[in-house]
């Protein structure tokens, strides 16, 4: 189904700027299918701050694609932007997104980075 969601978003982009809900739904569909490359392309194309759910979905896609570097980068970006997108919605990336990132590090045997993350 991720291909359908991606095609619908691309068709929508040809006419108008898609809503954040359309964007987030497409990220979630790609994430559920472990399509981390499609997720990263969507994030690059969209260029806007993520909410906690979309951030976690993107990190999870990277985790499932065994790409801990992108997962760690996404979490770092989310924490740097925390005052704007997350606090407005009353959400914090520190729990769900961090857990997804820790899981990505664990699956890639990057336990030293995971310990460093927990300490900080």
N, C-alpha and C. Protein backbone atom coordinates (compact mmCIF):
# COMPACT_ATOMS: atom_id res chain seq x y z
N UNK A 1 0.80 -1.20 0.00
CA UNK A 1 0.00 0.00 0.00
C UNK A 1 0.85 1.28 0.00
N UNK A 2 2.11 1.15 0.37
CA UNK A 2 2.96 2.35 0.44
C UNK A 2 3.12 2.99 -0.93
N UNK A 3 3.12 2.16 -1.99
CA UNK A 3 3.25 2.72 -3.34
C UNK A 3 2.04 3.57 -3.70
N UNK A 4 0.86 3.13 -3.28
CA UNK A 4 -0.37 3.88 -3.55
C UNK A 4 -0.33 5.22 -2.80
N UNK A 5 0.06 5.17 -1.53
CA UNK A 5 0.15 6.40 -0.74
C UNK A 5 1.15 7.38 -1.34
N UNK A 6 2.28 6.85 -1.78
CA UNK A 6 3.30 7.70 -2.38
C UNK A 6 2.80 8.32 -3.69
N UNK A 7 2.13 7.52 -4.51
CA UNK A 7 1.59 8.03 -5.78
C UNK A 7 0.53 9.10 -5.54
N UNK A 8 -0.34 8.88 -4.55
CA UNK A 8 -1.37 9.87 -4.24
C UNK A 8 -0.74 11.19 -3.77
N UNK A 9 0.29 11.09 -2.95
CA UNK A 9 0.96 12.31 -2.47
C UNK A 9 1.63 13.04 -3.64
N UNK A 10 2.26 12.30 -4.53
CA UNK A 10 2.90 12.93 -5.69
C UNK A 10 1.87 13.60 -6.59
N UNK A 11 0.74 12.97 -6.80
CA UNK A 11 -0.33 13.58 -7.59
C UNK A 11 -0.85 14.84 -6.93
N UNK A 12 -0.98 14.81 -5.63
CA UNK A 12 -1.45 15.97 -4.88
C UNK A 12 -0.44 17.11 -4.98
N UNK A 13 0.85 16.78 -4.89
CA UNK A 13 1.91 17.80 -4.98
C UNK A 13 1.91 18.50 -6.34
N UNK A 14 1.44 17.82 -7.36
CA UNK A 14 1.40 18.44 -8.69
C UNK A 14 0.36 19.56 -8.74
N UNK A 15 -0.60 19.54 -7.82
CA UNK A 15 -1.69 20.52 -7.83
C UNK A 15 -1.58 21.56 -6.72
N UNK A 16 -1.30 21.09 -5.51
CA UNK A 16 -1.23 21.97 -4.34
C UNK A 16 -0.16 21.47 -3.38
N UNK A 17 0.10 22.26 -2.36
CA UNK A 17 1.00 21.78 -1.31
C UNK A 17 0.18 20.86 -0.41
N UNK A 18 0.61 19.60 -0.27
CA UNK A 18 -0.15 18.66 0.55
C UNK A 18 -0.18 19.08 2.02
N UNK A 19 -1.25 18.71 2.68
CA UNK A 19 -1.36 18.99 4.11
C UNK A 19 -0.36 18.13 4.88
N UNK A 20 -0.11 18.53 6.11
CA UNK A 20 0.79 17.73 6.94
C UNK A 20 0.21 16.34 7.18
N UNK A 21 -1.10 16.23 7.24
CA UNK A 21 -1.74 14.93 7.46
C UNK A 21 -1.48 14.01 6.27
N UNK A 22 -1.58 14.53 5.06
CA UNK A 22 -1.29 13.72 3.86
C UNK A 22 0.16 13.28 3.86
N UNK A 23 1.05 14.19 4.20
CA UNK A 23 2.48 13.87 4.27
C UNK A 23 2.75 12.82 5.34
N UNK A 24 2.24 13.05 6.53
CA UNK A 24 2.47 12.14 7.65
C UNK A 24 1.92 10.74 7.38
N UNK A 25 0.74 10.68 6.77
CA UNK A 25 0.13 9.39 6.43
C UNK A 25 1.00 8.63 5.44
N UNK A 26 1.58 9.32 4.49
CA UNK A 26 2.45 8.67 3.51
C UNK A 26 3.72 8.17 4.18
N UNK A 27 4.29 8.96 5.08
CA UNK A 27 5.48 8.52 5.83
C UNK A 27 5.14 7.26 6.63
N UNK A 28 3.99 7.25 7.29
CA UNK A 28 3.58 6.08 8.07
C UNK A 28 3.41 4.85 7.19
N UNK A 29 2.81 5.02 6.02
CA UNK A 29 2.62 3.88 5.11
C UNK A 29 3.96 3.33 4.65
N UNK A 30 4.89 4.20 4.32
CA UNK A 30 6.22 3.75 3.89
C UNK A 30 6.97 3.10 5.04
N UNK A 31 6.82 3.65 6.23
CA UNK A 31 7.48 3.10 7.40
C UNK A 31 6.99 1.69 7.72
N UNK A 32 5.70 1.49 7.64
CA UNK A 32 5.13 0.17 7.93
C UNK A 32 5.63 -0.89 6.96
N UNK A 33 6.08 -0.46 5.79
CA UNK A 33 6.63 -1.38 4.79
C UNK A 33 8.16 -1.35 4.78
N UNK A 34 8.75 -0.73 5.80
CA UNK A 34 10.22 -0.65 5.94
C UNK A 34 10.90 0.02 4.75
N UNK A 35 10.24 0.98 4.15
CA UNK A 35 10.78 1.69 2.99
C UNK A 35 11.51 2.95 3.45
N UNK A 36 12.65 2.75 4.11
CA UNK A 36 13.37 3.89 4.69
C UNK A 36 13.86 4.87 3.63
N UNK A 37 14.23 4.37 2.46
CA UNK A 37 14.71 5.27 1.42
C UNK A 37 13.59 6.20 0.95
N UNK A 38 12.39 5.65 0.81
CA UNK A 38 11.24 6.48 0.42
C UNK A 38 10.92 7.49 1.51
N UNK A 39 11.02 7.08 2.77
CA UNK A 39 10.78 7.99 3.88
C UNK A 39 11.79 9.13 3.87
N UNK A 40 13.06 8.81 3.70
CA UNK A 40 14.08 9.85 3.69
C UNK A 40 13.88 10.82 2.53
N UNK A 41 13.46 10.31 1.39
CA UNK A 41 13.18 11.19 0.25
C UNK A 41 12.00 12.11 0.54
N UNK A 42 10.97 11.55 1.17
CA UNK A 42 9.82 12.37 1.55
C UNK A 42 10.22 13.49 2.51
N UNK A 43 11.05 13.15 3.48
CA UNK A 43 11.49 14.15 4.45
C UNK A 43 12.30 15.24 3.78
N UNK A 44 13.15 14.85 2.85
CA UNK A 44 13.96 15.83 2.12
C UNK A 44 13.08 16.73 1.27
N UNK A 45 12.10 16.15 0.59
CA UNK A 45 11.21 16.92 -0.28
C UNK A 45 10.31 17.86 0.52
N UNK A 46 9.85 17.41 1.66
CA UNK A 46 8.90 18.19 2.45
C UNK A 46 9.58 19.35 3.14
N UNK A 47 10.72 19.10 3.77
CA UNK A 47 11.48 20.17 4.39
C UNK A 47 10.79 20.91 5.51
N UNK A 48 9.96 20.23 6.28
CA UNK A 48 9.32 20.90 7.40
C UNK A 48 9.50 20.07 8.66
N UNK A 49 9.29 20.69 9.81
CA UNK A 49 9.46 20.02 11.08
C UNK A 49 8.45 18.87 11.21
N UNK A 50 8.86 17.85 11.95
CA UNK A 50 8.02 16.67 12.12
C UNK A 50 7.35 16.67 13.48
N UNK A 51 6.18 16.06 13.55
CA UNK A 51 5.59 15.81 14.86
C UNK A 51 6.17 14.51 15.41
N UNK A 52 5.85 14.18 16.64
CA UNK A 52 6.44 13.01 17.30
C UNK A 52 6.09 11.72 16.58
N UNK A 53 4.86 11.60 16.11
CA UNK A 53 4.42 10.36 15.44
C UNK A 53 5.18 10.15 14.13
N UNK A 54 5.27 11.20 13.33
CA UNK A 54 5.96 11.09 12.04
C UNK A 54 7.45 10.88 12.24
N UNK A 55 8.03 11.55 13.23
CA UNK A 55 9.45 11.36 13.53
C UNK A 55 9.72 9.92 13.93
N UNK A 56 8.89 9.38 14.81
CA UNK A 56 9.08 7.99 15.24
C UNK A 56 8.90 7.02 14.08
N UNK A 57 7.93 7.28 13.22
CA UNK A 57 7.73 6.42 12.05
C UNK A 57 8.95 6.45 11.14
N UNK A 58 9.53 7.62 10.95
CA UNK A 58 10.72 7.73 10.10
C UNK A 58 11.90 7.01 10.72
N UNK A 59 12.09 7.17 12.03
CA UNK A 59 13.18 6.46 12.71
C UNK A 59 12.96 4.96 12.66
N UNK A 60 11.73 4.52 12.81
CA UNK A 60 11.41 3.09 12.75
C UNK A 60 11.71 2.53 11.36
N UNK A 61 11.40 3.28 10.32
CA UNK A 61 11.71 2.83 8.95
C UNK A 61 13.22 2.66 8.80
N UNK A 62 13.97 3.61 9.33
CA UNK A 62 15.44 3.51 9.26
C UNK A 62 15.93 2.31 10.07
N UNK A 63 15.34 2.09 11.23
CA UNK A 63 15.69 0.93 12.05
C UNK A 63 15.46 -0.36 11.27
N UNK A 64 14.29 -0.48 10.68
CA UNK A 64 13.95 -1.70 9.94
C UNK A 64 14.82 -1.87 8.70
N UNK A 65 15.32 -0.77 8.17
CA UNK A 65 16.22 -0.82 7.02
C UNK A 65 17.69 -0.93 7.41
N UNK A 66 17.92 -1.15 8.71
CA UNK A 66 19.29 -1.29 9.24
C UNK A 66 20.14 -0.07 8.94
N UNK A 67 19.55 1.09 9.07
CA UNK A 67 20.28 2.32 8.81
C UNK A 67 20.27 3.18 10.07
N UNK A 68 21.09 2.78 11.02
CA UNK A 68 21.14 3.46 12.31
C UNK A 68 21.64 4.90 12.19
N UNK A 69 22.47 5.18 11.18
CA UNK A 69 23.01 6.54 11.04
C UNK A 69 21.89 7.55 10.78
N UNK A 70 20.97 7.21 9.87
CA UNK A 70 19.85 8.10 9.59
C UNK A 70 18.91 8.19 10.78
N UNK A 71 18.70 7.06 11.46
CA UNK A 71 17.84 7.06 12.66
C UNK A 71 18.39 8.02 13.70
N UNK A 72 19.68 7.95 13.95
CA UNK A 72 20.32 8.83 14.93
C UNK A 72 20.26 10.29 14.48
N UNK A 73 20.46 10.52 13.19
CA UNK A 73 20.38 11.88 12.66
C UNK A 73 18.98 12.48 12.79
N UNK A 74 17.96 11.66 12.52
CA UNK A 74 16.58 12.13 12.65
C UNK A 74 16.26 12.51 14.09
N UNK A 75 16.70 11.66 15.03
CA UNK A 75 16.45 11.96 16.43
C UNK A 75 17.17 13.24 16.84
N UNK A 76 18.39 13.38 16.42
CA UNK A 76 19.16 14.57 16.74
C UNK A 76 18.47 15.83 16.20
N UNK A 77 18.01 15.76 14.95
CA UNK A 77 17.29 16.89 14.35
C UNK A 77 16.02 17.20 15.12
N UNK A 78 15.29 16.15 15.51
CA UNK A 78 14.03 16.34 16.24
C UNK A 78 14.28 17.00 17.59
N UNK A 79 15.32 16.57 18.27
CA UNK A 79 15.61 17.15 19.57
C UNK A 79 16.08 18.60 19.44
N UNK A 80 16.80 18.90 18.36
CA UNK A 80 17.24 20.27 18.12
C UNK A 80 16.05 21.20 17.84
N UNK A 81 15.01 20.65 17.22
CA UNK A 81 13.83 21.43 16.85
C UNK A 81 12.72 21.31 17.88
N UNK A 82 12.97 20.62 18.96
CA UNK A 82 11.93 20.30 19.93
C UNK A 82 11.05 21.47 20.36
N UNK A 83 11.58 22.64 20.63
CA UNK A 83 10.70 23.69 21.12
C UNK A 83 9.56 24.05 20.17
N UNK A 84 9.74 23.88 18.87
CA UNK A 84 8.70 24.30 17.94
C UNK A 84 7.67 23.20 17.68
N UNK A 85 8.05 22.10 16.98
CA UNK A 85 6.99 21.18 16.58
C UNK A 85 6.44 20.32 17.71
N UNK A 86 7.27 19.91 18.65
CA UNK A 86 6.81 18.95 19.64
C UNK A 86 6.07 19.62 20.79
N UNK A 87 6.60 20.71 21.30
CA UNK A 87 5.97 21.33 22.45
C UNK A 87 4.64 21.98 22.09
N UNK A 88 4.48 22.40 20.83
CA UNK A 88 3.20 22.97 20.43
C UNK A 88 2.09 21.94 20.53
N UNK A 89 2.43 20.71 20.27
CA UNK A 89 1.44 19.64 20.31
C UNK A 89 1.42 18.94 21.67
N UNK A 90 2.27 19.36 22.59
CA UNK A 90 2.33 18.72 23.90
C UNK A 90 2.97 17.35 23.85
N UNK A 91 3.79 17.11 22.85
CA UNK A 91 4.44 15.82 22.69
C UNK A 91 5.93 15.97 22.89
N UNK A 92 6.58 14.89 23.21
CA UNK A 92 8.03 14.92 23.36
C UNK A 92 8.64 13.79 22.55
N UNK A 93 9.64 14.10 21.76
CA UNK A 93 10.28 13.05 20.98
C UNK A 93 11.16 12.17 21.85
N UNK A 94 11.41 12.59 23.07
CA UNK A 94 12.41 11.92 23.88
C UNK A 94 12.05 10.49 24.25
N UNK A 95 10.80 10.12 24.29
CA UNK A 95 10.45 8.76 24.68
C UNK A 95 10.26 7.84 23.48
N UNK A 96 9.24 8.07 22.68
CA UNK A 96 8.96 7.14 21.59
C UNK A 96 10.04 7.17 20.51
N UNK A 97 10.46 8.35 20.13
CA UNK A 97 11.49 8.46 19.09
C UNK A 97 12.83 7.94 19.60
N UNK A 98 13.15 8.24 20.85
CA UNK A 98 14.41 7.74 21.42
C UNK A 98 14.42 6.23 21.52
N UNK A 99 13.29 5.65 21.91
CA UNK A 99 13.21 4.19 21.98
C UNK A 99 13.40 3.55 20.61
N UNK A 100 12.81 4.15 19.59
CA UNK A 100 12.98 3.62 18.24
C UNK A 100 14.44 3.72 17.80
N UNK A 101 15.08 4.83 18.16
CA UNK A 101 16.49 5.01 17.81
C UNK A 101 17.37 4.03 18.58
N UNK A 102 17.09 3.84 19.86
CA UNK A 102 17.84 2.84 20.64
C UNK A 102 17.69 1.45 20.04
N UNK A 103 16.51 1.14 19.57
CA UNK A 103 16.28 -0.14 18.92
C UNK A 103 17.09 -0.27 17.63
N UNK A 104 17.19 0.83 16.88
CA UNK A 104 18.01 0.82 15.65
C UNK A 104 19.47 0.57 15.99
N UNK A 105 19.96 1.22 17.04
CA UNK A 105 21.35 1.02 17.46
C UNK A 105 21.58 -0.41 17.94
N UNK A 106 20.61 -0.94 18.68
CA UNK A 106 20.72 -2.31 19.18
C UNK A 106 20.76 -3.32 18.03
N UNK A 107 19.91 -3.15 17.07
CA UNK A 107 19.86 -4.07 15.93
C UNK A 107 21.14 -4.01 15.09
N UNK A 108 21.84 -2.89 15.17
CA UNK A 108 23.07 -2.73 14.41
C UNK A 108 24.32 -2.97 15.26
N UNK A 109 24.11 -3.50 16.46
CA UNK A 109 25.21 -3.80 17.39
C UNK A 109 26.03 -2.56 17.71
N UNK A 110 25.39 -1.43 17.83
CA UNK A 110 26.05 -0.17 18.17
C UNK A 110 25.76 0.16 19.64
N UNK A 111 26.07 -0.77 20.52
CA UNK A 111 25.72 -0.63 21.92
C UNK A 111 26.45 0.54 22.58
N UNK A 112 27.65 0.86 22.11
CA UNK A 112 28.38 1.99 22.70
C UNK A 112 27.61 3.31 22.47
N UNK A 113 27.09 3.46 21.27
CA UNK A 113 26.29 4.66 20.97
C UNK A 113 25.00 4.67 21.78
N UNK A 114 24.39 3.50 21.94
CA UNK A 114 23.16 3.40 22.72
C UNK A 114 23.42 3.80 24.17
N UNK A 115 24.52 3.34 24.74
CA UNK A 115 24.86 3.71 26.12
C UNK A 115 25.10 5.21 26.22
N UNK A 116 25.81 5.76 25.24
CA UNK A 116 26.05 7.21 25.22
C UNK A 116 24.76 7.98 25.15
N UNK A 117 23.80 7.47 24.38
CA UNK A 117 22.51 8.12 24.26
C UNK A 117 21.78 8.11 25.60
N UNK A 118 21.84 6.98 26.29
CA UNK A 118 21.15 6.86 27.58
C UNK A 118 21.78 7.77 28.63
N UNK A 119 23.08 7.92 28.57
CA UNK A 119 23.77 8.77 29.55
C UNK A 119 23.42 10.23 29.33
N UNK A 120 23.34 10.63 28.07
CA UNK A 120 23.03 12.03 27.76
C UNK A 120 21.55 12.27 27.88
